[in-house]
Amino acid sequence: MIEIITAVLLVTGAVLMALASVGLLRMPDIYTRISTATKASTLGVGCLLLAVVVFFDETGVKSRALAVLVFILLTAPVSAHILGRAAYLSGVPLWQDSRIDELHGRYDREARTLRSAPPDETG
């Protein structure tokens, strides 16, 4: 039974990692590429590490795999945010069919400050 669960987790992780790589090729701009790569690859690596936890009986291996999983879950969103912010600050354009730029007019690029939305926009 453990082998079946491990195989399912490994295949799921591999498929998610493949989807992340396809997303990097297919998405039109850096912002959607960051989103696709972060979400799919984090889930893919998570499944692979859970397969390690399920398969191995050694406490040292399990604890290391779980520690790596926690580290990835904590750092992947932060790194994606930093990359997206750096791209926006550098002036990397959004995809031409993007419908909304929530930071347009609210982000001062020189002072690097974000103004809150006026009360009438938050409604």
C-alpha atoms as a PDB file:
ATOM      1  CA  MET A   1       0.000   0.000   0.000  1.00  0.00           C
ATOM      2  CA  ILE A   2       2.876   2.377   0.795  1.00  0.00           C
ATOM      3  CA  GLU A   3       4.309   1.796  -2.684  1.00  0.00           C
ATOM      4  CA  ILE A   4       1.007   2.778  -4.307  1.00  0.00           C
ATOM      5  CA  ILE A   5       0.714   5.987  -2.278  1.00  0.00           C
ATOM      6  CA  THR A   6       4.341   6.801  -3.029  1.00  0.00           C
ATOM      7  CA  ALA A   7       3.828   6.168  -6.744  1.00  0.00           C
ATOM      8  CA  VAL A   8       0.735   8.375  -6.835  1.00  0.00           C
ATOM      9  CA  LEU A   9       2.563  11.192  -5.054  1.00  0.00           C
ATOM     10  CA  LEU A  10       5.595  10.860  -7.340  1.00  0.00           C
ATOM     11  CA  VAL A  11       3.496  10.891 -10.511  1.00  0.00           C
ATOM     12  CA  THR A  12       1.418  13.818  -9.246  1.00  0.00           C
ATOM     13  CA  GLY A  13       4.572  15.741  -8.355  1.00  0.00           C
ATOM     14  CA  ALA A  14       6.146  15.028 -11.723  1.00  0.00           C
ATOM     15  CA  VAL A  15       3.001  16.126 -13.586  1.00  0.00           C
ATOM     16  CA  LEU A  16       2.806  19.346 -11.571  1.00  0.00           C
ATOM     17  CA  MET A  17       6.477  20.071 -12.236  1.00  0.00           C
ATOM     18  CA  ALA A  18       5.900  19.453 -15.952  1.00  0.00           C
ATOM     19  CA  LEU A  19       2.923  21.829 -15.875  1.00  0.00           C
ATOM     20  CA  ALA A  20       5.098  24.451 -14.213  1.00  0.00           C
ATOM     21  CA  SER A  21       7.651  24.185 -17.001  1.00  0.00           C
ATOM     22  CA  VAL A  22       4.944  24.360 -19.680  1.00  0.00           C
ATOM     23  CA  GLY A  23       3.496  27.386 -17.910  1.00  0.00           C
ATOM     24  CA  LEU A  24       6.857  29.129 -18.096  1.00  0.00           C
ATOM     25  CA  LEU A  25       6.851  28.647 -21.855  1.00  0.00           C
ATOM     26  CA  ARG A  26       3.201  29.437 -22.536  1.00  0.00           C
ATOM     27  CA  MET A  27       2.366  32.391 -20.292  1.00  0.00           C
ATOM     28  CA  PRO A  28       2.548  35.799 -21.969  1.00  0.00           C
ATOM     29  CA  ASP A  29       4.293  37.964 -19.374  1.00  0.00           C
ATOM     30  CA  ILE A  30       6.588  37.736 -16.388  1.00  0.00           C
ATOM     31  CA  TYR A  31       3.822  38.166 -13.831  1.00  0.00           C
ATOM     32  CA  THR A  32       1.777  35.195 -14.986  1.00  0.00           C
ATOM     33  CA  ARG A  33       4.964  33.152 -15.424  1.00  0.00           C
ATOM     34  CA  ILE A  34       5.930  33.848 -11.820  1.00  0.00           C
ATOM     35  CA  SER A  35       2.484  32.815 -10.629  1.00  0.00           C
ATOM     36  CA  THR A  36       2.418  29.622 -12.667  1.00  0.00           C
ATOM     37  CA  ALA A  37       5.935  28.577 -11.788  1.00  0.00           C
ATOM     38  CA  THR A  38       5.542  29.282  -8.090  1.00  0.00           C
ATOM     39  CA  LYS A  39       2.226  27.526  -7.568  1.00  0.00           C
ATOM     40  CA  ALA A  40       2.753  24.451  -9.725  1.00  0.00           C
ATOM     41  CA  SER A  41       6.373  23.857  -8.785  1.00  0.00           C
ATOM     42  CA  THR A  42       5.702  24.324  -5.061  1.00  0.00           C
ATOM     43  CA  LEU A  43       2.899  21.777  -5.205  1.00  0.00           C
ATOM     44  CA  GLY A  44       5.033  19.454  -7.344  1.00  0.00           C
ATOM     45  CA  VAL A  45       8.002  19.570  -4.985  1.00  0.00           C
ATOM     46  CA  GLY A  46       5.588  19.181  -2.078  1.00  0.00           C
ATOM     47  CA  CYS A  47       4.199  15.967  -3.555  1.00  0.00           C
ATOM     48  CA  LEU A  48       7.695  14.628  -4.222  1.00  0.00           C
ATOM     49  CA  LEU A  49       8.784  15.355  -0.659  1.00  0.00           C
ATOM     50  CA  LEU A  50       5.621  13.819   0.758  1.00  0.00           C
ATOM     51  CA  ALA A  51       6.429  10.707  -1.269  1.00  0.00           C
ATOM     52  CA  VAL A  52       9.812  10.625   0.463  1.00  0.00           C
ATOM     53  CA  VAL A  53       8.118  10.960   3.857  1.00  0.00           C
ATOM     54  CA  VAL A  54       5.674   8.150   3.075  1.00  0.00           C
ATOM     55  CA  PHE A  55       8.238   5.770   1.593  1.00  0.00           C
ATOM     56  CA  PHE A  56      11.187   5.963   3.996  1.00  0.00           C
ATOM     57  CA  ASP A  57      11.007   4.647   7.543  1.00  0.00           C
ATOM     58  CA  GLU A  58      13.970   6.555   8.926  1.00  0.00           C
ATOM     59  CA  THR A  59      13.147   9.471  11.195  1.00  0.00           C
ATOM     60  CA  GLY A  60      16.134  11.480   9.951  1.00  0.00           C
ATOM     61  CA  VAL A  61      15.018  11.252   6.331  1.00  0.00           C
ATOM     62  CA  LYS A  62      11.421  12.116   7.203  1.00  0.00           C
ATOM     63  CA  SER A  63      12.379  15.101   9.335  1.00  0.00           C
ATOM     64  CA  ARG A  64      14.718  16.474   6.669  1.00  0.00           C
ATOM     65  CA  ALA A  65      12.099  16.072   3.946  1.00  0.00           C
ATOM     66  CA  LEU A  66       9.482  17.823   6.081  1.00  0.00           C
ATOM     67  CA  ALA A  67      11.939  20.604   6.938  1.00  0.00           C
ATOM     68  CA  VAL A  68      12.672  21.160   3.250  1.00  0.00           C
ATOM     69  CA  LEU A  69       8.945  21.145   2.505  1.00  0.00           C
ATOM     70  CA  VAL A  70       8.244  23.772   5.172  1.00  0.00           C
ATOM     71  CA  PHE A  71      11.160  25.869   3.921  1.00  0.00           C
ATOM     72  CA  ILE A  72       9.851  25.781   0.345  1.00  0.00           C
ATOM     73  CA  LEU A  73       6.294  26.564   1.423  1.00  0.00           C
ATOM     74  CA  LEU A  74       7.549  29.586   3.356  1.00  0.00           C
ATOM     75  CA  THR A  75      10.029  30.955   0.827  1.00  0.00           C
ATOM     76  CA  ALA A  76       8.355  30.374  -2.556  1.00  0.00           C
ATOM     77  CA  PRO A  77       5.565  32.968  -2.106  1.00  0.00           C
ATOM     78  CA  VAL A  78       8.009  35.510  -0.710  1.00  0.00           C
ATOM     79  CA  SER A  79      10.433  35.074  -3.596  1.00  0.00           C
ATOM     80  CA  ALA A  80       7.598  35.297  -6.139  1.00  0.00           C
ATOM     81  CA  HIS A  81       6.416  38.537  -4.539  1.00  0.00           C
ATOM     82  CA  ILE A  82       9.918  39.993  -4.589  1.00  0.00           C
ATOM     83  CA  LEU A  83      10.422  39.035  -8.243  1.00  0.00           C
ATOM     84  CA  GLY A  84       7.077  40.529  -9.216  1.00  0.00           C
ATOM     85  CA  ARG A  85       7.772  43.732  -7.328  1.00  0.00           C
ATOM     86  CA  ALA A  86      11.219  44.055  -8.883  1.00  0.00           C
ATOM     87  CA  ALA A  87       9.733  43.531 -12.333  1.00  0.00           C
ATOM     88  CA  TYR A  88       7.061  46.158 -11.698  1.00  0.00           C
ATOM     89  CA  LEU A  89       9.624  48.635 -10.350  1.00  0.00           C
ATOM     90  CA  SER A  90      11.844  48.028 -13.365  1.00  0.00           C
ATOM     91  CA  GLY A  91       8.978  48.914 -15.647  1.00  0.00           C
ATOM     92  CA  VAL A  92       8.376  45.492 -17.142  1.00  0.00           C
ATOM     93  CA  PRO A  93       5.065  45.894 -18.977  1.00  0.00           C
ATOM     94  CA  LEU A  94       1.989  43.839 -18.261  1.00  0.00           C
ATOM     95  CA  TRP A  95       0.572  41.650 -20.991  1.00  0.00           C
ATOM     96  CA  GLN A  96      -1.367  43.783 -23.494  1.00  0.00           C
ATOM     97  CA  ASP A  97      -4.642  41.948 -22.726  1.00  0.00           C
ATOM     98  CA  SER A  98      -4.358  42.505 -18.971  1.00  0.00           C
ATOM     99  CA  ARG A  99      -7.575  44.022 -17.715  1.00  0.00           C
ATOM    100  CA  ILE A 100      -6.413  45.809 -14.580  1.00  0.00           C
ATOM    101  CA  ASP A 101      -3.272  47.209 -13.035  1.00  0.00           C
ATOM    102  CA  GLU A 102      -4.102  47.727  -9.375  1.00  0.00           C
ATOM    103  CA  LEU A 103      -0.861  49.598  -8.692  1.00  0.00           C
ATOM    104  CA  HIS A 104      -1.210  52.066 -11.566  1.00  0.00           C
ATOM    105  CA  GLY A 105      -1.159  55.576 -10.148  1.00  0.00           C
ATOM    106  CA  ARG A 106      -0.736  54.357  -6.576  1.00  0.00           C
ATOM    107  CA  TYR A 107       2.893  53.291  -6.600  1.00  0.00           C
ATOM    108  CA  ASP A 108       5.583  55.969  -6.494  1.00  0.00           C
ATOM    109  CA  ARG A 109       8.533  54.370  -8.292  1.00  0.00           C
ATOM    110  CA  GLU A 110      11.103  56.877  -7.079  1.00  0.00           C
ATOM    111  CA  ALA A 111      10.128  56.899  -3.396  1.00  0.00           C
ATOM    112  CA  ARG A 112       9.129  53.226  -3.576  1.00  0.00           C
ATOM    113  CA  THR A 113       5.987  53.842  -1.569  1.00  0.00           C
ATOM    114  CA  LEU A 114       2.464  52.590  -2.091  1.00  0.00           C
ATOM    115  CA  ARG A 115      -0.477  54.887  -1.443  1.00  0.00           C
ATOM    116  CA  SER A 116      -3.659  53.331  -0.123  1.00  0.00           C
ATOM    117  CA  ALA A 117      -6.707  53.417  -2.309  1.00  0.00           C
ATOM    118  CA  PRO A 118      -9.035  56.376  -1.733  1.00  0.00           C
ATOM    119  CA  PRO A 119     -12.139  55.507   0.322  1.00  0.00           C
ATOM    120  CA  ASP A 120     -14.395  55.626  -2.749  1.00  0.00           C
ATOM    121  CA  GLU A 121     -12.338  52.908  -4.546  1.00  0.00           C
ATOM    122  CA  THR A 122     -12.413  50.335  -1.737  1.00  0.00           C
ATOM    123  CA  GLY A 123     -16.205  50.076  -1.741  1.00  0.00           C
END
